[in-house]
């Protein structure tokens, strides 16, 4: 299992205000995700990115970061076997991501995800 990327998930109450800040002030490009509750901003020259969300539409709790992996099923099994708290079970979301949420030892909730299909 390999971690491909880690991206912070920041809370915002207004995505339009977030767009003005990240695009207008920081010069990042928006990569819309097709949802009205989350979007991604990326620096075109470096690839540095952040996701901004109002709330997670299908999980019981928002996550602090998304950890993209190459084998989400194996990691889910390993996390369960190790006794970590699974906050949101392993599911394949309608938008093509297979994911689960786990609480890290420091208490942060991580969205562990893999592109599916």
Protein backbone atom coordinates (compact mmCIF):
# COMPACT_ATOMS: atom_id res chain seq x y z
CA UNK A 1 0.00 0.00 0.00
CA UNK A 2 1.33 3.42 -0.97
CA UNK A 3 0.25 6.92 0.03
CA UNK A 4 -0.05 8.90 -3.20
CA UNK A 5 -0.98 12.31 -1.77
CA UNK A 6 -2.21 14.08 1.34
CA UNK A 7 -4.44 17.13 1.04
CA UNK A 8 -5.86 19.28 3.84
CA UNK A 9 -9.64 19.65 4.02
CA UNK A 10 -10.50 23.10 5.33
CA UNK A 11 -13.93 24.19 6.54
CA UNK A 12 -15.65 27.22 5.05
CA UNK A 13 -19.16 28.52 5.49
CA UNK A 14 -19.14 30.16 2.03
CA UNK A 15 -17.51 28.57 -1.04
CA UNK A 16 -17.83 31.79 -3.05
CA UNK A 17 -15.78 33.64 -0.43
CA UNK A 18 -13.26 30.80 -0.53
CA UNK A 19 -13.04 31.15 -4.33
CA UNK A 20 -12.33 34.87 -4.02
CA UNK A 21 -9.58 34.15 -1.53
CA UNK A 22 -7.83 31.16 -3.11
CA UNK A 23 -8.26 32.19 -6.76
CA UNK A 24 -8.34 35.97 -6.45
CA UNK A 25 -5.76 36.51 -3.75
CA UNK A 26 -3.52 33.42 -3.86
CA UNK A 27 -3.69 32.89 -7.63
CA UNK A 28 -4.72 29.24 -7.38
CA UNK A 29 -6.93 27.53 -9.96
CA UNK A 30 -10.19 25.93 -8.92
CA UNK A 31 -10.69 22.27 -9.77
CA UNK A 32 -14.44 21.86 -9.27
CA UNK A 33 -15.40 18.45 -7.94
CA UNK A 34 -19.00 18.50 -9.16
CA UNK A 35 -20.54 19.04 -5.73
CA UNK A 36 -22.05 22.08 -4.06
CA UNK A 37 -20.37 21.29 -0.73
CA UNK A 38 -16.67 20.88 -1.63
CA UNK A 39 -14.14 22.21 -4.12
CA UNK A 40 -10.39 22.01 -4.68
CA UNK A 41 -7.87 24.78 -5.31
CA UNK A 42 -4.51 23.99 -6.92
CA UNK A 43 -1.43 26.06 -7.66
CA UNK A 44 -0.92 25.51 -11.40
CA UNK A 45 2.87 25.74 -11.21
CA UNK A 46 3.55 23.57 -8.15
CA UNK A 47 0.52 21.30 -7.78
CA UNK A 48 0.07 22.35 -4.14
CA UNK A 49 -3.59 21.88 -3.30
CA UNK A 50 -6.26 22.33 -0.67
CA UNK A 51 -9.86 21.15 -0.51
CA UNK A 52 -12.44 23.46 1.01
CA UNK A 53 -15.78 22.13 2.18
CA UNK A 54 -18.92 23.35 3.82
CA UNK A 55 -19.58 19.86 5.20
CA UNK A 56 -19.08 16.30 4.02
CA UNK A 57 -22.35 15.27 2.39
CA UNK A 58 -22.17 11.54 3.14
CA UNK A 59 -20.05 11.18 6.29
CA UNK A 60 -21.09 11.72 9.90
CA UNK A 61 -18.11 13.97 10.58
CA UNK A 62 -15.83 16.23 8.52
CA UNK A 63 -12.27 15.11 7.93
CA UNK A 64 -9.12 17.15 8.53
CA UNK A 65 -7.31 15.74 5.49
CA UNK A 66 -7.69 13.38 2.58
CA UNK A 67 -5.05 10.69 2.24
CA UNK A 68 -5.03 9.19 -1.25
CA UNK A 69 -3.80 5.60 -1.35
CA UNK A 70 -3.36 2.88 -3.96
CA UNK A 71 -5.14 0.10 -1.99
CA UNK A 72 -7.90 1.45 0.22
CA UNK A 73 -9.36 -2.02 0.87
CA UNK A 74 -6.09 -3.37 2.29
CA UNK A 75 -5.58 -0.29 4.45
CA UNK A 76 -9.16 -0.48 5.75
CA UNK A 77 -8.61 -4.10 6.78
CA UNK A 78 -5.29 -3.21 8.46
CA UNK A 79 -6.79 -0.23 10.34
CA UNK A 80 -9.69 -2.34 11.60
CA UNK A 81 -7.34 -5.17 12.66
CA UNK A 82 -5.18 -2.66 14.52
CA UNK A 83 -8.22 -1.39 16.42
CA UNK A 84 -8.39 2.17 15.09
CA UNK A 85 -11.76 3.90 15.29
CA UNK A 86 -13.51 3.79 11.93
CA UNK A 87 -15.61 6.94 11.82
CA UNK A 88 -17.17 6.24 8.39
CA UNK A 89 -17.22 2.73 6.90
CA UNK A 90 -15.57 1.72 3.63
CA UNK A 91 -17.93 2.71 0.82
CA UNK A 92 -17.82 3.44 -2.88
CA UNK A 93 -19.30 6.89 -3.34
CA UNK A 94 -21.49 7.79 -6.34
CA UNK A 95 -18.78 10.18 -7.57
CA UNK A 96 -16.24 7.39 -8.09
CA UNK A 97 -14.20 7.38 -4.91
CA UNK A 98 -13.84 4.42 -2.55
CA UNK A 99 -13.15 5.70 0.96
CA UNK A 100 -13.42 5.39 4.71
CA UNK A 101 -12.75 7.74 7.63
CA UNK A 102 -10.45 6.80 10.50
CA UNK A 103 -9.57 8.68 13.69
CA UNK A 104 -5.80 9.10 14.00
CA UNK A 105 -4.06 8.72 17.39
CA UNK A 106 -4.10 12.52 17.86
CA UNK A 107 -7.84 12.64 17.26
CA UNK A 108 -7.87 14.03 13.72
CA UNK A 109 -10.30 12.34 11.34
CA UNK A 110 -8.70 11.30 8.05
CA UNK A 111 -10.54 10.59 4.81
CA UNK A 112 -8.67 7.60 3.31
CA UNK A 113 -9.56 7.48 -0.39
CA UNK A 114 -8.83 5.79 -3.69
CA UNK A 115 -10.21 6.58 -7.14
CA UNK A 116 -12.59 3.76 -8.08
CA UNK A 117 -13.52 2.53 -11.51
